[in-house]
């Protein structure tokens, strides 16, 4: 949305555990 010129904000209440906990991808996209 920002790329197409809209003013967008994301709010994440509880993103995944991040790069050092659990087996998930650091909150997004397998770590990258």
ModelCIF file with pLDDT and N, C-alpha, C, O atoms, coordinates in Angstrom:
data_MODEL
#
_entry.id   MODEL 
#
_entity.id                         1 
_entity.type                       polymer 
_entity.pdbx_number_of_molecules   1 
#
_entity_poly.entity_id                      1 
_entity_poly.type                           'polypeptide(L)' 
_entity_poly.nstd_linkage                   no 
_entity_poly.nstd_monomer                   no 
_entity_poly.pdbx_seq_one_letter_code       
;(UNK)(UNK)(UNK)(UNK)(UNK)(UNK)(UNK)(UNK)(UNK)(UNK)(UNK)(UNK)(UNK)(UNK)(UNK)(UNK)
(UNK)(UNK)(UNK)(UNK)(UNK)(UNK)(UNK)(UNK)(UNK)(UNK)(UNK)(UNK)(UNK)(UNK)(UNK)(UNK)
;
_entity_poly.pdbx_seq_one_letter_code_can   XXXXXXXXXXXXXXXXXXXXXXXXXXXXXXXX 
_entity_poly.pdbx_strand_id                 A 
#
loop_
_entity_poly_seq.entity_id 
_entity_poly_seq.num 
_entity_poly_seq.mon_id 
_entity_poly_seq.hetero 
1 1  UNK n 
1 2  UNK n 
1 3  UNK n 
1 4  UNK n 
1 5  UNK n 
1 6  UNK n 
1 7  UNK n 
1 8  UNK n 
1 9  UNK n 
1 10 UNK n 
1 11 UNK n 
1 12 UNK n 
1 13 UNK n 
1 14 UNK n 
1 15 UNK n 
1 16 UNK n 
1 17 UNK n 
1 18 UNK n 
1 19 UNK n 
1 20 UNK n 
1 21 UNK n 
1 22 UNK n 
1 23 UNK n 
1 24 UNK n 
1 25 UNK n 
1 26 UNK n 
1 27 UNK n 
1 28 UNK n 
1 29 UNK n 
1 30 UNK n 
1 31 UNK n 
1 32 UNK n 
#
_struct_asym.id          A 
_struct_asym.entity_id   1 
#
loop_
_ma_qa_metric.id 
_ma_qa_metric.mode 
_ma_qa_metric.name 
_ma_qa_metric.software_group_id 
_ma_qa_metric.type 
1 global pLDDT . pLDDT 
2 local  pLDDT . pLDDT 
#
_ma_qa_metric_global.metric_id      1 
_ma_qa_metric_global.metric_value   65.88 
_ma_qa_metric_global.model_id       1 
_ma_qa_metric_global.ordinal_id     1 
#
loop_
_ma_qa_metric_local.label_asym_id 
_ma_qa_metric_local.label_comp_id 
_ma_qa_metric_local.label_seq_id 
_ma_qa_metric_local.metric_id 
_ma_qa_metric_local.metric_value 
_ma_qa_metric_local.model_id 
_ma_qa_metric_local.ordinal_id 
A UNK 1  2 92.00 1 1  
A UNK 2  2 89.00 1 2  
A UNK 3  2 93.00 1 3  
A UNK 4  2 96.00 1 4  
A UNK 5  2 92.00 1 5  
A UNK 6  2 88.00 1 6  
A UNK 7  2 85.00 1 7  
A UNK 8  2 86.00 1 8  
A UNK 9  2 84.00 1 9  
A UNK 10 2 84.00 1 10 
A UNK 11 2 78.00 1 11 
A UNK 12 2 74.00 1 12 
A UNK 13 2 68.00 1 13 
A UNK 14 2 62.00 1 14 
A UNK 15 2 57.00 1 15 
A UNK 16 2 56.00 1 16 
A UNK 17 2 56.00 1 17 
A UNK 18 2 51.00 1 18 
A UNK 19 2 50.00 1 19 
A UNK 20 2 53.00 1 20 
A UNK 21 2 53.00 1 21 
A UNK 22 2 50.00 1 22 
A UNK 23 2 51.00 1 23 
A UNK 24 2 48.00 1 24 
A UNK 25 2 45.00 1 25 
A UNK 26 2 46.00 1 26 
A UNK 27 2 47.00 1 27 
A UNK 28 2 52.00 1 28 
A UNK 29 2 52.00 1 29 
A UNK 30 2 55.00 1 30 
A UNK 31 2 55.00 1 31 
A UNK 32 2 60.00 1 32 
#
loop_
_atom_site.group_PDB 
_atom_site.id 
_atom_site.type_symbol 
_atom_site.label_atom_id 
_atom_site.label_alt_id 
_atom_site.label_comp_id 
_atom_site.label_asym_id 
_atom_site.label_entity_id 
_atom_site.label_seq_id 
_atom_site.pdbx_PDB_ins_code 
_atom_site.Cartn_x 
_atom_site.Cartn_y 
_atom_site.Cartn_z 
_atom_site.occupancy 
_atom_site.B_iso_or_equiv 
_atom_site.pdbx_formal_charge 
_atom_site.auth_seq_id 
_atom_site.auth_comp_id 
_atom_site.auth_asym_id 
_atom_site.auth_atom_id 
_atom_site.pdbx_PDB_model_num 
ATOM 1   N N  . UNK A 1 1  ? 0.827  -1.209  0.000  1.00 92.00 ? 1  UNK A N  1 
ATOM 2   C CA . UNK A 1 1  ? 0.000  0.000   0.000  1.00 92.00 ? 1  UNK A CA 1 
ATOM 3   C C  . UNK A 1 1  ? 0.860  1.257   0.000  1.00 92.00 ? 1  UNK A C  1 
ATOM 4   O O  . UNK A 1 1  ? 0.556  2.220   -0.703 1.00 92.00 ? 1  UNK A O  1 
ATOM 5   N N  . UNK A 1 2  ? 1.930  1.250   0.784  1.00 89.00 ? 2  UNK A N  1 
ATOM 6   C CA . UNK A 1 2  ? 2.844  2.400   0.775  1.00 89.00 ? 2  UNK A CA 1 
ATOM 7   C C  . UNK A 1 2  ? 3.514  2.554   -0.588 1.00 89.00 ? 2  UNK A C  1 
ATOM 8   O O  . UNK A 1 2  ? 3.724  3.675   -1.053 1.00 89.00 ? 2  UNK A O  1 
ATOM 9   N N  . UNK A 1 3  ? 3.845  1.452   -1.220 1.00 93.00 ? 3  UNK A N  1 
ATOM 10  C CA . UNK A 1 3  ? 4.501  1.491   -2.536 1.00 93.00 ? 3  UNK A CA 1 
ATOM 11  C C  . UNK A 1 3  ? 3.623  2.163   -3.584 1.00 93.00 ? 3  UNK A C  1 
ATOM 12  O O  . UNK A 1 3  ? 4.128  2.834   -4.484 1.00 93.00 ? 3  UNK A O  1 
ATOM 13  N N  . UNK A 1 4  ? 2.299  1.982   -3.467 1.00 96.00 ? 4  UNK A N  1 
ATOM 14  C CA . UNK A 1 4  ? 1.396  2.598   -4.452 1.00 96.00 ? 4  UNK A CA 1 
ATOM 15  C C  . UNK A 1 4  ? 0.902  3.968   -3.996 1.00 96.00 ? 4  UNK A C  1 
ATOM 16  O O  . UNK A 1 4  ? -0.041 4.510   -4.572 1.00 96.00 ? 4  UNK A O  1 
ATOM 17  N N  . UNK A 1 5  ? 1.538  4.532   -2.960 1.00 92.00 ? 5  UNK A N  1 
ATOM 18  C CA . UNK A 1 5  ? 1.250  5.900   -2.563 1.00 92.00 ? 5  UNK A CA 1 
ATOM 19  C C  . UNK A 1 5  ? 0.231  6.072   -1.454 1.00 92.00 ? 5  UNK A C  1 
ATOM 20  O O  . UNK A 1 5  ? -0.137 7.202   -1.133 1.00 92.00 ? 5  UNK A O  1 
ATOM 21  N N  . UNK A 1 6  ? -0.229 4.996   -0.867 1.00 88.00 ? 6  UNK A N  1 
ATOM 22  C CA . UNK A 1 6  ? -1.167 5.100   0.260  1.00 88.00 ? 6  UNK A CA 1 
ATOM 23  C C  . UNK A 1 6  ? -0.366 5.267   1.548  1.00 88.00 ? 6  UNK A C  1 
ATOM 24  O O  . UNK A 1 6  ? 0.786  4.841   1.625  1.00 88.00 ? 6  UNK A O  1 
ATOM 25  N N  . UNK A 1 7  ? -0.968 5.879   2.545  1.00 85.00 ? 7  UNK A N  1 
ATOM 26  C CA . UNK A 1 7  ? -0.335 6.053   3.847  1.00 85.00 ? 7  UNK A CA 1 
ATOM 27  C C  . UNK A 1 7  ? -0.797 4.891   4.719  1.00 85.00 ? 7  UNK A C  1 
ATOM 28  O O  . UNK A 1 7  ? -1.893 4.941   5.277  1.00 85.00 ? 7  UNK A O  1 
ATOM 29  N N  . UNK A 1 8  ? 0.013  3.853   4.847  1.00 86.00 ? 8  UNK A N  1 
ATOM 30  C CA . UNK A 1 8  ? -0.386 2.641   5.566  1.00 86.00 ? 8  UNK A CA 1 
ATOM 31  C C  . UNK A 1 8  ? 0.581  2.353   6.703  1.00 86.00 ? 8  UNK A C  1 
ATOM 32  O O  . UNK A 1 8  ? 1.789  2.563   6.589  1.00 86.00 ? 8  UNK A O  1 
ATOM 33  N N  . UNK A 1 9  ? 0.021  1.867   7.800  1.00 84.00 ? 9  UNK A N  1 
ATOM 34  C CA . UNK A 1 9  ? 0.794  1.484   8.974  1.00 84.00 ? 9  UNK A CA 1 
ATOM 35  C C  . UNK A 1 9  ? 0.345  0.093   9.389  1.00 84.00 ? 9  UNK A C  1 
ATOM 36  O O  . UNK A 1 9  ? -0.847 -0.215  9.357  1.00 84.00 ? 9  UNK A O  1 
ATOM 37  N N  . UNK A 1 10 ? 1.287  -0.737  9.773  1.00 84.00 ? 10 UNK A N  1 
ATOM 38  C CA . UNK A 1 10 ? 0.963  -2.064  10.285 1.00 84.00 ? 10 UNK A CA 1 
ATOM 39  C C  . UNK A 1 10 ? 1.188  -2.088  11.787 1.00 84.00 ? 10 UNK A C  1 
ATOM 40  O O  . UNK A 1 10 ? 2.182  -1.561  12.285 1.00 84.00 ? 10 UNK A O  1 
ATOM 41  N N  . UNK A 1 11 ? 0.268  -2.695  12.497 1.00 78.00 ? 11 UNK A N  1 
ATOM 42  C CA . UNK A 1 11 ? 0.423  -2.897  13.938 1.00 78.00 ? 11 UNK A CA 1 
ATOM 43  C C  . UNK A 1 11 ? 0.273  -4.383  14.207 1.00 78.00 ? 11 UNK A C  1 
ATOM 44  O O  . UNK A 1 11 ? -0.747 -4.985  13.870 1.00 78.00 ? 11 UNK A O  1 
ATOM 45  N N  . UNK A 1 12 ? 1.283  -4.967  14.809 1.00 74.00 ? 12 UNK A N  1 
ATOM 46  C CA . UNK A 1 12 ? 1.251  -6.388  15.145 1.00 74.00 ? 12 UNK A CA 1 
ATOM 47  C C  . UNK A 1 12 ? 1.197  -6.533  16.654 1.00 74.00 ? 12 UNK A C  1 
ATOM 48  O O  . UNK A 1 12 ? 2.104  -6.096  17.363 1.00 74.00 ? 12 UNK A O  1 
ATOM 49  N N  . UNK A 1 13 ? 0.149  -7.137  17.132 1.00 68.00 ? 13 UNK A N  1 
ATOM 50  C CA . UNK A 1 13 ? -0.004 -7.290  18.569 1.00 68.00 ? 13 UNK A CA 1 
ATOM 51  C C  . UNK A 1 13 ? 0.922  -8.360  19.105 1.00 68.00 ? 13 UNK A C  1 
ATOM 52  O O  . UNK A 1 13 ? 1.579  -8.150  20.125 1.00 68.00 ? 13 UNK A O  1 
ATOM 53  N N  . UNK A 1 14 ? 0.989  -9.478  18.456 1.00 62.00 ? 14 UNK A N  1 
ATOM 54  C CA . UNK A 1 14 ? 1.859  -10.560 18.903 1.00 62.00 ? 14 UNK A CA 1 
ATOM 55  C C  . UNK A 1 14 ? 2.494  -11.240 17.700 1.00 62.00 ? 14 UNK A C  1 
ATOM 56  O O  . UNK A 1 14 ? 2.065  -12.324 17.305 1.00 62.00 ? 14 UNK A O  1 
ATOM 57  N N  . UNK A 1 15 ? 3.522  -10.608 17.104 1.00 57.00 ? 15 UNK A N  1 
ATOM 58  C CA . UNK A 1 15 ? 4.198  -11.295 16.001 1.00 57.00 ? 15 UNK A CA 1 
ATOM 59  C C  . UNK A 1 15 ? 4.885  -12.545 16.523 1.00 57.00 ? 15 UNK A C  1 
ATOM 60  O O  . UNK A 1 15 ? 5.084  -12.692 17.729 1.00 57.00 ? 15 UNK A O  1 
ATOM 61  N N  . UNK A 1 16 ? 5.240  -13.428 15.637 1.00 56.00 ? 16 UNK A N  1 
ATOM 62  C CA . UNK A 1 16 ? 5.846  -14.674 16.097 1.00 56.00 ? 16 UNK A CA 1 
ATOM 63  C C  . UNK A 1 16 ? 7.098  -14.384 16.917 1.00 56.00 ? 16 UNK A C  1 
ATOM 64  O O  . UNK A 1 16 ? 7.546  -13.241 17.006 1.00 56.00 ? 16 UNK A O  1 
ATOM 65  N N  . UNK A 1 17 ? 7.632  -15.394 17.490 1.00 56.00 ? 17 UNK A N  1 
ATOM 66  C CA . UNK A 1 17 ? 8.648  -15.233 18.527 1.00 56.00 ? 17 UNK A CA 1 
ATOM 67  C C  . UNK A 1 17 ? 9.975  -14.672 18.063 1.00 56.00 ? 17 UNK A C  1 
ATOM 68  O O  . UNK A 1 17 ? 10.861 -14.435 18.884 1.00 56.00 ? 17 UNK A O  1 
ATOM 69  N N  . UNK A 1 18 ? 10.131 -14.458 16.796 1.00 51.00 ? 18 UNK A N  1 
ATOM 70  C CA . UNK A 1 18 ? 11.327 -13.771 16.330 1.00 51.00 ? 18 UNK A CA 1 
ATOM 71  C C  . UNK A 1 18 ? 12.489 -14.691 16.039 1.00 51.00 ? 18 UNK A C  1 
ATOM 72  O O  . UNK A 1 18 ? 12.339 -15.913 16.044 1.00 51.00 ? 18 UNK A O  1 
ATOM 73  N N  . UNK A 1 19 ? 13.654 -14.106 15.784 1.00 50.00 ? 19 UNK A N  1 
ATOM 74  C CA . UNK A 1 19 ? 14.784 -14.871 15.260 1.00 50.00 ? 19 UNK A CA 1 
ATOM 75  C C  . UNK A 1 19 ? 15.496 -15.761 16.274 1.00 50.00 ? 19 UNK A C  1 
ATOM 76  O O  . UNK A 1 19 ? 16.375 -16.536 15.897 1.00 50.00 ? 19 UNK A O  1 
ATOM 77  N N  . UNK A 1 20 ? 15.137 -15.665 17.547 1.00 53.00 ? 20 UNK A N  1 
ATOM 78  C CA . UNK A 1 20 ? 15.884 -16.472 18.508 1.00 53.00 ? 20 UNK A CA 1 
ATOM 79  C C  . UNK A 1 20 ? 15.034 -17.451 19.302 1.00 53.00 ? 20 UNK A C  1 
ATOM 80  O O  . UNK A 1 20 ? 15.575 -18.250 20.065 1.00 53.00 ? 20 UNK A O  1 
ATOM 81  N N  . UNK A 1 21 ? 13.737 -17.409 19.143 1.00 53.00 ? 21 UNK A N  1 
ATOM 82  C CA . UNK A 1 21 ? 12.867 -18.332 19.863 1.00 53.00 ? 21 UNK A CA 1 
ATOM 83  C C  . UNK A 1 21 ? 12.095 -19.189 18.874 1.00 53.00 ? 21 UNK A C  1 
ATOM 84  O O  . UNK A 1 21 ? 11.845 -18.768 17.745 1.00 53.00 ? 21 UNK A O  1 
ATOM 85  N N  . UNK A 1 22 ? 11.723 -20.366 19.289 1.00 50.00 ? 22 UNK A N  1 
ATOM 86  C CA . UNK A 1 22 ? 10.834 -21.190 18.491 1.00 50.00 ? 22 UNK A CA 1 
ATOM 87  C C  . UNK A 1 22 ? 11.428 -21.590 17.152 1.00 50.00 ? 22 UNK A C  1 
ATOM 88  O O  . UNK A 1 22 ? 12.617 -21.394 16.900 1.00 50.00 ? 22 UNK A O  1 
ATOM 89  N N  . UNK A 1 23 ? 10.582 -22.155 16.297 1.00 51.00 ? 23 UNK A N  1 
ATOM 90  C CA . UNK A 1 23 ? 11.044 -22.632 15.001 1.00 51.00 ? 23 UNK A CA 1 
ATOM 91  C C  . UNK A 1 23 ? 10.516 -21.790 13.857 1.00 51.00 ? 23 UNK A C  1 
ATOM 92  O O  . UNK A 1 23 ? 10.801 -22.069 12.693 1.00 51.00 ? 23 UNK A O  1 
ATOM 93  N N  . UNK A 1 24 ? 9.746  -20.758 14.182 1.00 48.00 ? 24 UNK A N  1 
ATOM 94  C CA . UNK A 1 24 ? 9.166  -19.941 13.117 1.00 48.00 ? 24 UNK A CA 1 
ATOM 95  C C  . UNK A 1 24 ? 10.210 -19.021 12.503 1.00 48.00 ? 24 UNK A C  1 
ATOM 96  O O  . UNK A 1 24 ? 11.341 -18.947 12.983 1.00 48.00 ? 24 UNK A O  1 
ATOM 97  N N  . UNK A 1 25 ? 9.833  -18.327 11.450 1.00 45.00 ? 25 UNK A N  1 
ATOM 98  C CA . UNK A 1 25 ? 10.800 -17.608 10.630 1.00 45.00 ? 25 UNK A CA 1 
ATOM 99  C C  . UNK A 1 25 ? 11.103 -16.185 11.029 1.00 45.00 ? 25 UNK A C  1 
ATOM 100 O O  . UNK A 1 25 ? 11.185 -15.320 10.157 1.00 45.00 ? 25 UNK A O  1 
ATOM 101 N N  . UNK A 1 26 ? 11.271 -15.906 12.289 1.00 46.00 ? 26 UNK A N  1 
ATOM 102 C CA . UNK A 1 26 ? 11.682 -14.560 12.682 1.00 46.00 ? 26 UNK A CA 1 
ATOM 103 C C  . UNK A 1 26 ? 10.611 -13.534 12.430 1.00 46.00 ? 26 UNK A C  1 
ATOM 104 O O  . UNK A 1 26 ? 10.925 -12.363 12.220 1.00 46.00 ? 26 UNK A O  1 
ATOM 105 N N  . UNK A 1 27 ? 9.375  -13.925 12.444 1.00 47.00 ? 27 UNK A N  1 
ATOM 106 C CA . UNK A 1 27 ? 8.187  -13.109 12.316 1.00 47.00 ? 27 UNK A CA 1 
ATOM 107 C C  . UNK A 1 27 ? 7.691  -13.014 10.888 1.00 47.00 ? 27 UNK A C  1 
ATOM 108 O O  . UNK A 1 27 ? 6.505  -12.745 10.696 1.00 47.00 ? 27 UNK A O  1 
ATOM 109 N N  . UNK A 1 28 ? 8.505  -13.214 9.887  1.00 52.00 ? 28 UNK A N  1 
ATOM 110 C CA . UNK A 1 28 ? 7.997  -13.096 8.524  1.00 52.00 ? 28 UNK A CA 1 
ATOM 111 C C  . UNK A 1 28 ? 8.860  -13.857 7.536  1.00 52.00 ? 28 UNK A C  1 
ATOM 112 O O  . UNK A 1 28 ? 10.088 -13.799 7.592  1.00 52.00 ? 28 UNK A O  1 
ATOM 113 N N  . UNK A 1 29 ? 8.220  -14.555 6.653  1.00 52.00 ? 29 UNK A N  1 
ATOM 114 C CA . UNK A 1 29 ? 8.856  -15.066 5.464  1.00 52.00 ? 29 UNK A CA 1 
ATOM 115 C C  . UNK A 1 29 ? 10.106 -15.898 5.637  1.00 52.00 ? 29 UNK A C  1 
ATOM 116 O O  . UNK A 1 29 ? 11.080 -15.698 4.910  1.00 52.00 ? 29 UNK A O  1 
ATOM 117 N N  . UNK A 1 30 ? 10.108 -16.822 6.574  1.00 55.00 ? 30 UNK A N  1 
ATOM 118 C CA . UNK A 1 30 ? 11.239 -17.712 6.719  1.00 55.00 ? 30 UNK A CA 1 
ATOM 119 C C  . UNK A 1 30 ? 12.523 -17.010 7.149  1.00 55.00 ? 30 UNK A C  1 
ATOM 120 O O  . UNK A 1 30 ? 13.611 -17.556 6.962  1.00 55.00 ? 30 UNK A O  1 
ATOM 121 N N  . UNK A 1 31 ? 12.420 -15.832 7.710  1.00 55.00 ? 31 UNK A N  1 
ATOM 122 C CA . UNK A 1 31 ? 13.603 -15.157 8.240  1.00 55.00 ? 31 UNK A CA 1 
ATOM 123 C C  . UNK A 1 31 ? 14.114 -14.017 7.401  1.00 55.00 ? 31 UNK A C  1 
ATOM 124 O O  . UNK A 1 31 ? 14.806 -13.145 7.926  1.00 55.00 ? 31 UNK A O  1 
ATOM 125 N N  . UNK A 1 32 ? 13.806 -13.980 6.113  1.00 60.00 ? 32 UNK A N  1 
ATOM 126 C CA . UNK A 1 32 ? 14.387 -12.937 5.259  1.00 60.00 ? 32 UNK A CA 1 
ATOM 127 C C  . UNK A 1 32 ? 13.590 -11.644 5.258  1.00 60.00 ? 32 UNK A C  1 
ATOM 128 O O  . UNK A 1 32 ? 13.968 -10.686 4.582  1.00 60.00 ? 32 UNK A O  1 
#
